[in-house]
Amino acid sequence: MTLRAKHLTLGLIPGPAVLSDVSITIEPGRITALVGQNGAGKSTLLKALSGELSPQQGEVWFHDKPIHRWEGQDRARLLSVLPQQHALNFEFGVEEVVALGRYPHDTGRQRDDHIVQEALALCDLSQFNKRSIDDISGGERQRVHLARVLAQIWETQPEGPCFLLLDEPTTGLDLSHQQALFKAVQQFARREVGILLVVHDLNLAARYADNVVLMHQGQIVSQGTPNQVFQADTLQRYFDLTVTVQRHPRHNCPLIIPD
């Protein structure tokens, strides 16, 4: 069972297509990094995969059923999304924000509270659990929302594997918490969760992703392992930047160095 898109075309009418004939498969237990320059269509593709946007052509399938045929609460038990922007109109506590992720589930207050505390600990937020969301920094707030979407898919569901979509999740995070975020994502992938994340740091993608999808002007122009996609000539062509690609001295992955 997968989350997959077939031949998606999506755009404003009239106007050019933001996505043009895009096909992609997100597999359980694997991390897929979506990379490309600003305006390449990455966030639009993520929104189409989540069901937030409807394509003019093509279809998104989720567990062998078109995604628009899923009831909202049933889909939310299996698919969680961390967008770029988070709007909260009330002064929620940190625990309350993370607990919002448990709303689609009927697992009881005691179990939900336990999951909330585990998610907070995983995101290095236990010390903030009694704080207001308005009284912490932007980077800490980003981690709170990550804990929320992780709590939403904390447990395997009877229908099949869960999926997690993250749109630029490292925005506002320092280097230490960027690494911690990707390690948390890796941990969820080991639970057979399928993960797609939009990321601008190519070295983070090279280090942690199983698959890389490179987009340019609304199309997928390269996809495969980090070793296959992160070639110097490919990066120069689609990022307009001369780079040197070496082997990481400690990890078996590319190391991308701008010239």
Protein backbone atom coordinates (compact mmCIF):
# COMPACT_ATOMS: atom_id res chain seq x y z
CA MET A 1 0.00 0.00 0.00
CA THR A 2 1.39 3.37 -1.02
CA LEU A 3 0.66 7.04 -1.53
CA ARG A 4 1.08 7.74 -5.22
CA ALA A 5 0.27 10.29 -7.88
CA LYS A 6 -0.24 9.49 -11.54
CA HIS A 7 0.22 12.08 -14.29
CA LEU A 8 -0.78 15.10 -12.21
CA THR A 9 -1.30 18.40 -13.99
CA LEU A 10 -2.33 21.32 -11.83
CA GLY A 11 -2.31 25.06 -12.35
CA LEU A 12 -4.20 28.30 -12.36
CA ILE A 13 -6.60 28.76 -15.26
CA PRO A 14 -5.73 30.66 -17.34
CA GLY A 15 -2.01 30.42 -16.82
CA PRO A 16 0.85 27.95 -16.98
CA ALA A 17 0.70 24.63 -15.16
CA VAL A 18 2.37 24.55 -11.74
CA LEU A 19 2.62 20.78 -12.06
CA SER A 20 2.89 19.08 -15.43
CA ASP A 21 2.46 15.31 -15.85
CA VAL A 22 3.97 14.47 -12.44
CA SER A 23 4.01 10.88 -11.20
CA ILE A 24 5.49 9.89 -7.85
CA THR A 25 5.21 7.04 -5.34
CA ILE A 26 5.84 7.34 -1.60
CA GLU A 27 6.59 3.94 -0.10
CA PRO A 28 6.11 2.84 3.52
CA GLY A 29 9.32 2.69 5.51
CA ARG A 30 11.24 5.05 3.23
CA ILE A 31 12.13 8.74 3.31
CA THR A 32 11.70 10.66 0.07
CA ALA A 33 13.25 14.14 -0.17
CA LEU A 34 11.66 16.59 -2.60
CA VAL A 35 14.25 19.14 -3.76
CA GLY A 36 14.47 21.92 -6.34
CA GLN A 37 14.70 25.66 -6.68
CA ASN A 38 12.02 28.00 -5.33
CA GLY A 39 8.96 27.86 -7.55
CA ALA A 40 9.72 24.37 -8.86
CA GLY A 41 6.33 23.06 -7.66
CA LYS A 42 7.43 21.18 -4.54
CA SER A 43 4.88 22.58 -2.10
CA THR A 44 2.12 22.33 -4.70
CA LEU A 45 2.89 18.65 -5.21
CA LEU A 46 2.81 18.06 -1.46
CA LYS A 47 -0.58 19.76 -1.23
CA ALA A 48 -1.90 17.64 -4.09
CA LEU A 49 -0.66 14.46 -2.41
CA SER A 50 -2.39 15.44 0.84
CA GLY A 51 -5.69 16.10 -0.94
CA GLU A 52 -5.61 19.84 -0.21
CA LEU A 53 -5.43 20.68 -3.93
CA SER A 54 -7.27 18.91 -6.73
CA PRO A 55 -5.46 18.44 -10.04
CA GLN A 56 -6.97 19.28 -13.41
CA GLN A 57 -5.64 15.98 -14.73
CA GLY A 58 -4.36 12.83 -13.08
CA GLU A 59 -5.19 11.24 -9.74
CA VAL A 60 -3.73 10.74 -6.27
CA TRP A 61 -4.23 7.26 -4.85
CA PHE A 62 -3.97 6.48 -1.15
CA HIS A 63 -4.11 2.85 -0.07
CA ASP A 64 -5.57 1.82 -3.44
CA LYS A 65 -8.37 4.38 -3.30
CA PRO A 66 -8.53 7.91 -4.76
CA ILE A 67 -7.65 10.30 -1.97
CA HIS A 68 -10.78 12.42 -2.47
CA ARG A 69 -12.91 9.37 -1.63
CA TRP A 70 -11.53 9.15 1.90
CA GLU A 71 -13.56 10.59 4.76
CA GLY A 72 -11.59 13.39 6.41
CA GLN A 73 -11.23 11.77 9.83
CA ASP A 74 -10.30 8.37 8.39
CA ARG A 75 -7.64 9.96 6.20
CA ALA A 76 -6.30 11.98 9.13
CA ARG A 77 -5.67 8.81 11.14
CA LEU A 78 -3.31 7.62 8.40
CA LEU A 79 -1.89 10.79 6.85
CA SER A 80 -0.46 13.80 8.68
CA VAL A 81 0.88 16.99 7.12
CA LEU A 82 3.23 19.68 8.45
CA PRO A 83 2.76 22.79 6.25
CA GLN A 84 5.11 25.75 6.03
CA GLN A 85 2.78 28.05 7.97
CA HIS A 86 0.86 27.30 11.18
CA ALA A 87 -1.99 29.58 12.26
CA LEU A 88 -3.32 29.37 15.83
CA ASN A 89 -5.87 32.01 16.78
CA PHE A 90 -5.96 31.15 20.49
CA GLU A 91 -3.32 30.96 23.21
CA PHE A 92 -2.91 27.20 23.39
CA GLY A 93 -0.54 25.43 25.72
CA VAL A 94 2.23 23.33 24.19
CA GLU A 95 0.59 20.09 25.38
CA GLU A 96 -2.75 21.21 23.95
CA VAL A 97 -1.22 21.84 20.51
CA VAL A 98 0.38 18.40 20.39
CA ALA A 99 -2.87 16.82 21.65
CA LEU A 100 -4.66 18.24 18.58
CA GLY A 101 -2.90 15.50 16.64
CA ARG A 102 -4.91 12.90 18.55
CA TYR A 103 -8.27 14.40 17.52
CA PRO A 104 -8.98 11.87 14.70
CA HIS A 105 -8.43 8.93 17.06
CA ASP A 106 -10.69 7.28 19.62
CA THR A 107 -7.99 5.86 21.89
CA GLY A 108 -9.02 7.46 25.18
CA ARG A 109 -7.60 10.29 27.29
CA GLN A 110 -5.03 8.17 29.13
CA ARG A 111 -3.50 6.72 25.96
CA ASP A 112 -3.58 10.08 24.18
CA ASP A 113 -1.84 11.81 27.10
CA HIS A 114 0.89 9.17 27.03
CA ILE A 115 1.43 9.64 23.29
CA VAL A 116 1.57 13.42 23.69
CA GLN A 117 4.34 13.12 26.28
CA GLU A 118 6.27 10.65 24.10
CA ALA A 119 6.01 12.97 21.10
CA LEU A 120 7.19 15.93 23.17
CA ALA A 121 10.17 13.93 24.44
CA LEU A 122 11.08 12.80 20.93
CA CYS A 123 11.14 16.44 19.79
CA ASP A 124 13.16 17.57 22.85
CA LEU A 125 10.25 19.58 24.23
CA SER A 126 9.44 17.96 27.57
CA GLN A 127 10.69 21.01 29.45
CA PHE A 128 8.14 23.19 27.60
CA ASN A 129 5.07 21.03 28.16
CA LYS A 130 3.41 23.51 30.54
CA ARG A 131 4.31 26.61 28.53
CA SER A 132 2.09 28.61 26.21
CA ILE A 133 2.76 28.28 22.49
CA ASP A 134 3.08 32.09 22.41
CA ASP A 135 5.86 32.10 25.00
CA ILE A 136 8.42 30.05 23.11
CA SER A 137 10.71 30.80 20.17
CA GLY A 138 9.88 30.26 16.51
CA GLY A 139 12.16 27.22 16.30
CA GLU A 140 10.62 25.70 19.42
CA ARG A 141 7.16 26.38 18.01
CA GLN A 142 8.15 24.53 14.82
CA ARG A 143 9.16 21.52 16.91
CA VAL A 144 5.82 21.63 18.75
CA HIS A 145 3.98 21.35 15.44
CA LEU A 146 6.27 18.50 14.43
CA ALA A 147 5.36 16.71 17.67
CA ARG A 148 1.68 17.30 16.81
CA VAL A 149 1.87 15.62 13.41
CA LEU A 150 3.96 12.77 14.82
CA ALA A 151 1.38 12.20 17.57
CA GLN A 152 -1.27 12.03 14.85
CA ILE A 153 0.31 8.94 13.26
CA TRP A 154 1.99 7.50 16.36
CA GLU A 155 0.42 4.06 16.00
CA THR A 156 -0.14 1.74 13.06
CA GLN A 157 -3.73 1.66 11.84
CA PRO A 158 -5.79 -1.35 10.70
CA GLU A 159 -6.10 0.02 7.15
CA GLY A 160 -2.33 -0.06 6.62
CA PRO A 161 0.83 2.04 6.98
CA CYS A 162 0.75 5.73 7.87
CA PHE A 163 2.28 8.56 5.86
CA LEU A 164 3.88 11.85 6.87
CA LEU A 165 4.27 14.91 4.61
CA LEU A 166 6.60 17.71 5.77
CA ASP A 167 6.98 21.01 3.94
CA GLU A 168 10.36 22.60 4.78
CA PRO A 169 10.32 21.26 8.36
CA THR A 170 13.77 22.63 9.29
CA THR A 171 12.77 26.29 8.85
CA GLY A 172 13.81 28.20 11.95
CA LEU A 173 15.73 25.29 13.49
CA ASP A 174 19.35 25.46 14.57
CA LEU A 175 21.85 22.86 13.35
CA SER A 176 21.41 20.61 16.36
CA HIS A 177 17.63 20.47 16.06
CA GLN A 178 17.80 20.02 12.29
CA GLN A 179 19.74 16.82 12.90
CA ALA A 180 17.37 15.82 15.70
CA LEU A 181 14.37 16.34 13.42
CA PHE A 182 15.78 14.11 10.71
CA LYS A 183 16.68 11.44 13.25
CA ALA A 184 13.09 11.51 14.53
CA VAL A 185 11.87 11.18 10.96
CA GLN A 186 14.22 8.21 10.48
CA GLN A 187 12.77 6.58 13.59
CA PHE A 188 9.27 6.89 12.16
CA ALA A 189 10.38 5.45 8.83
CA ARG A 190 11.56 2.35 10.72
CA ARG A 191 7.95 1.96 11.88
CA GLU A 192 7.01 1.51 8.21
CA VAL A 193 5.75 5.10 7.92
CA GLY A 194 6.15 6.55 4.44
CA ILE A 195 7.68 10.02 4.55
CA LEU A 196 7.90 12.83 1.99
CA LEU A 197 9.67 16.05 2.95
CA VAL A 198 10.41 19.23 1.08
CA VAL A 199 13.96 20.27 1.95
CA HIS A 200 16.35 22.94 0.67
CA ASP A 201 19.50 21.65 2.35
CA LEU A 202 20.80 19.11 -0.16
CA ASN A 203 23.32 17.68 2.29
CA LEU A 204 20.54 16.86 4.76
CA ALA A 205 18.66 15.16 1.93
CA ALA A 206 21.80 13.25 0.91
CA ARG A 207 22.45 12.13 4.48
CA TYR A 208 18.97 10.99 5.50
CA ALA A 209 16.80 10.30 2.44
CA ASP A 210 16.37 6.92 0.81
CA ASN A 211 15.02 8.52 -2.37
CA VAL A 212 15.42 11.99 -3.85
CA VAL A 213 13.00 13.62 -6.29
CA LEU A 214 14.33 16.69 -8.11
CA MET A 215 11.76 19.10 -9.53
CA HIS A 216 12.22 21.91 -12.05
CA GLN A 217 9.50 24.14 -13.49
CA GLY A 218 6.67 21.86 -12.38
CA GLN A 219 8.17 18.61 -13.59
CA ILE A 220 10.21 15.80 -12.09
CA VAL A 221 13.54 15.88 -13.88
CA SER A 222 15.45 13.30 -11.83
CA GLN A 223 14.65 10.75 -9.17
CA GLY A 224 16.50 7.92 -7.50
CA THR A 225 18.92 7.40 -4.64
CA PRO A 226 20.98 10.36 -3.39
CA ASN A 227 23.98 8.92 -5.23
CA GLN A 228 22.02 8.84 -8.49
CA VAL A 229 20.43 12.30 -8.26
CA PHE A 230 23.18 14.35 -6.65
CA GLN A 231 25.58 14.46 -9.58
CA ALA A 232 27.58 17.65 -10.11
CA ASP A 233 26.35 18.22 -13.66
CA THR A 234 22.70 17.63 -12.65
CA LEU A 235 22.94 20.12 -9.77
CA GLN A 236 24.63 22.71 -11.95
CA ARG A 237 21.93 22.36 -14.61
CA TYR A 238 18.94 22.69 -12.30
CA PHE A 239 20.29 24.89 -9.50
CA ASP A 240 22.45 27.19 -11.66
CA LEU A 241 25.36 26.56 -9.29
CA THR A 242 28.75 24.96 -9.77
CA VAL A 243 29.39 22.33 -7.11
CA THR A 244 31.84 19.61 -6.22
CA VAL A 245 30.32 16.31 -5.08
CA GLN A 246 32.52 14.17 -2.84
CA ARG A 247 31.97 11.21 -0.57
CA HIS A 248 31.14 12.08 3.02
CA PRO A 249 34.13 11.10 5.20
CA ARG A 250 31.93 9.28 7.76
CA HIS A 251 28.70 8.39 5.98
CA ASN A 252 28.18 6.58 2.71
CA CYS A 253 26.43 9.50 1.02
CA PRO A 254 27.29 12.44 -1.26
CA LEU A 255 28.77 15.60 0.22
CA ILE A 256 27.85 18.65 -1.88
CA ILE A 257 30.24 21.61 -1.75
CA PRO A 258 29.44 24.83 -3.67
CA ASP A 259 32.46 26.02 -5.65
